[in-house]
Amino acid sequence: MTIIFNDGNEKKAEYAKVLDEVLGTYQQIRITSIGLSEESIAFAVGNYATQNKQSHITIAVAPGSKHVKSNEIKNWTPIIRFYVTGKIGKISKKK
């Protein structure tokens, strides 16, 4: 799950600083629905805010597609809620 993609935008940079406080911690994420498109499948997240219109965890992409395509999912179907636990980490772009 991408919480924020910090591309240098000032608002995003401020939010990234707040996230630094939870780096390395484990968080319980509530899954509320599943979304499908021709290019990806994702679980909607109900209790953790991200920069995306719909907070979600990408679970699969079509061959040749990219995970960012899950941001374009429009149809979300409610499912029996469940939780996953994950560690908050930071991936820096290598130069």
C-alpha atoms as a PDB file:
ATOM      1  CA  MET A   1       0.000   0.000   0.000  1.00  0.00           C
ATOM      2  CA  THR A   2       1.472   3.325  -1.003  1.00  0.00           C
ATOM      3  CA  ILE A   3       0.604   5.826   1.693  1.00  0.00           C
ATOM      4  CA  ILE A   4       2.258   8.755  -0.034  1.00  0.00           C
ATOM      5  CA  PHE A   5       4.319   9.197  -3.142  1.00  0.00           C
ATOM      6  CA  ASN A   6       6.504  12.146  -2.205  1.00  0.00           C
ATOM      7  CA  ASP A   7       7.361  13.839  -5.468  1.00  0.00           C
ATOM      8  CA  GLY A   8       8.558  17.067  -3.880  1.00  0.00           C
ATOM      9  CA  ASN A   9       5.093  18.622  -3.532  1.00  0.00           C
ATOM     10  CA  GLU A  10       5.088  20.785  -0.375  1.00  0.00           C
ATOM     11  CA  LYS A  11       1.865  19.312   1.085  1.00  0.00           C
ATOM     12  CA  LYS A  12       3.077  15.781   0.451  1.00  0.00           C
ATOM     13  CA  ALA A  13       6.446  16.565   2.016  1.00  0.00           C
ATOM     14  CA  GLU A  14       4.709  17.757   5.204  1.00  0.00           C
ATOM     15  CA  TYR A  15       2.582  14.583   5.321  1.00  0.00           C
ATOM     16  CA  ALA A  16       5.725  12.493   4.786  1.00  0.00           C
ATOM     17  CA  LYS A  17       7.270  14.099   7.897  1.00  0.00           C
ATOM     18  CA  VAL A  18       4.239  13.006   9.957  1.00  0.00           C
ATOM     19  CA  LEU A  19       4.618   9.455   8.623  1.00  0.00           C
ATOM     20  CA  ASP A  20       8.244   9.392   9.762  1.00  0.00           C
ATOM     21  CA  GLU A  21       6.861   9.112  13.318  1.00  0.00           C
ATOM     22  CA  VAL A  22       5.301   5.717  12.570  1.00  0.00           C
ATOM     23  CA  LEU A  23       8.124   4.256  10.464  1.00  0.00           C
ATOM     24  CA  GLY A  24       9.057   0.813  11.680  1.00  0.00           C
ATOM     25  CA  THR A  25       5.780   0.272  13.555  1.00  0.00           C
ATOM     26  CA  TYR A  26       3.212  -2.395  12.786  1.00  0.00           C
ATOM     27  CA  GLN A  27      -0.274  -1.185  11.882  1.00  0.00           C
ATOM     28  CA  GLN A  28      -3.524  -3.122  11.625  1.00  0.00           C
ATOM     29  CA  ILE A  29      -5.293  -2.335   8.344  1.00  0.00           C
ATOM     30  CA  ARG A  30      -9.047  -2.974   7.878  1.00  0.00           C
ATOM     31  CA  ILE A  31     -10.032  -4.396   4.481  1.00  0.00           C
ATOM     32  CA  THR A  32     -13.564  -3.408   3.465  1.00  0.00           C
ATOM     33  CA  SER A  33     -14.045  -4.206  -0.229  1.00  0.00           C
ATOM     34  CA  ILE A  34     -12.418  -5.518  -3.373  1.00  0.00           C
ATOM     35  CA  GLY A  35     -11.931  -3.573  -6.584  1.00  0.00           C
ATOM     36  CA  LEU A  36     -11.480  -4.988 -10.056  1.00  0.00           C
ATOM     37  CA  SER A  37     -10.480  -3.499 -13.380  1.00  0.00           C
ATOM     38  CA  GLU A  38      -9.077  -4.948 -16.582  1.00  0.00           C
ATOM     39  CA  GLU A  39      -5.561  -4.181 -15.358  1.00  0.00           C
ATOM     40  CA  SER A  40      -5.591  -4.705 -11.587  1.00  0.00           C
ATOM     41  CA  ILE A  41      -7.213  -6.052  -8.431  1.00  0.00           C
ATOM     42  CA  ALA A  42      -7.008  -4.338  -5.052  1.00  0.00           C
ATOM     43  CA  PHE A  43      -8.442  -4.417  -1.528  1.00  0.00           C
ATOM     44  CA  ALA A  44      -9.937  -1.169  -0.223  1.00  0.00           C
ATOM     45  CA  VAL A  45      -8.596   0.002   3.124  1.00  0.00           C
ATOM     46  CA  GLY A  46     -11.098   1.476   5.554  1.00  0.00           C
ATOM     47  CA  ASN A  47      -9.026   2.817   8.414  1.00  0.00           C
ATOM     48  CA  TYR A  48      -5.798   4.227   7.022  1.00  0.00           C
ATOM     49  CA  ALA A  49      -5.586   7.400   4.963  1.00  0.00           C
ATOM     50  CA  THR A  50      -3.435   7.654   1.870  1.00  0.00           C
ATOM     51  CA  GLN A  51      -3.020  10.258  -0.842  1.00  0.00           C
ATOM     52  CA  ASN A  52      -5.193   8.187  -3.178  1.00  0.00           C
ATOM     53  CA  LYS A  53      -8.911   8.817  -3.699  1.00  0.00           C
ATOM     54  CA  GLN A  54      -9.523   5.266  -2.414  1.00  0.00           C
ATOM     55  CA  SER A  55      -6.977   3.921   0.059  1.00  0.00           C
ATOM     56  CA  HIS A  56      -6.128   0.421  -1.110  1.00  0.00           C
ATOM     57  CA  ILE A  57      -3.647  -2.435  -1.279  1.00  0.00           C
ATOM     58  CA  THR A  58      -2.858  -3.636  -4.803  1.00  0.00           C
ATOM     59  CA  ILE A  59      -2.943  -7.424  -4.861  1.00  0.00           C
ATOM     60  CA  ALA A  60      -2.497  -8.221  -8.570  1.00  0.00           C
ATOM     61  CA  VAL A  61      -1.812  -6.566 -11.915  1.00  0.00           C
ATOM     62  CA  ALA A  62      -2.215  -7.863 -15.456  1.00  0.00           C
ATOM     63  CA  PRO A  63       0.912  -8.907 -17.359  1.00  0.00           C
ATOM     64  CA  GLY A  64       2.577  -5.808 -18.778  1.00  0.00           C
ATOM     65  CA  SER A  65       0.608  -3.469 -16.514  1.00  0.00           C
ATOM     66  CA  LYS A  66       1.857  -1.438 -13.533  1.00  0.00           C
ATOM     67  CA  HIS A  67       0.659  -1.325  -9.936  1.00  0.00           C
ATOM     68  CA  VAL A  68      -0.227   2.374 -10.295  1.00  0.00           C
ATOM     69  CA  LYS A  69      -3.164   1.299 -12.474  1.00  0.00           C
ATOM     70  CA  SER A  70      -4.988   0.197  -9.319  1.00  0.00           C
ATOM     71  CA  ASN A  71      -5.551   3.928  -8.636  1.00  0.00           C
ATOM     72  CA  GLU A  72      -7.969   3.884 -11.574  1.00  0.00           C
ATOM     73  CA  ILE A  73     -10.289   1.192 -10.175  1.00  0.00           C
ATOM     74  CA  LYS A  74     -13.835   2.548 -10.157  1.00  0.00           C
ATOM     75  CA  ASN A  75     -15.919  -0.440  -9.053  1.00  0.00           C
ATOM     76  CA  TRP A  76     -15.561  -1.573  -5.439  1.00  0.00           C
ATOM     77  CA  THR A  77     -17.607  -4.465  -4.035  1.00  0.00           C
ATOM     78  CA  PRO A  78     -18.094  -4.744  -0.262  1.00  0.00           C
ATOM     79  CA  ILE A  79     -16.768  -7.955   1.317  1.00  0.00           C
ATOM     80  CA  ILE A  80     -16.748  -9.377   4.824  1.00  0.00           C
ATOM     81  CA  ARG A  81     -14.285  -7.155   6.631  1.00  0.00           C
ATOM     82  CA  PHE A  82     -10.978  -8.547   7.780  1.00  0.00           C
ATOM     83  CA  TYR A  83      -7.662  -7.160   8.974  1.00  0.00           C
ATOM     84  CA  VAL A  84      -4.075  -7.449   7.826  1.00  0.00           C
ATOM     85  CA  THR A  85      -1.050  -6.261   9.750  1.00  0.00           C
ATOM     86  CA  GLY A  86       1.918  -4.648   8.085  1.00  0.00           C
ATOM     87  CA  LYS A  87       5.063  -2.775   8.973  1.00  0.00           C
ATOM     88  CA  ILE A  88       5.274   0.872   7.898  1.00  0.00           C
ATOM     89  CA  GLY A  89       8.370   1.334   5.770  1.00  0.00           C
ATOM     90  CA  LYS A  90       9.926   3.861   3.463  1.00  0.00           C
ATOM     91  CA  ILE A  91      11.282   3.186   0.019  1.00  0.00           C
ATOM     92  CA  SER A  92      13.590   5.819  -1.379  1.00  0.00           C
ATOM     93  CA  LYS A  93      14.174   6.199  -5.076  1.00  0.00           C
ATOM     94  CA  LYS A  94      17.712   5.211  -5.968  1.00  0.00           C
ATOM     95  CA  LYS A  95      19.692   7.737  -7.969  1.00  0.00           C
END
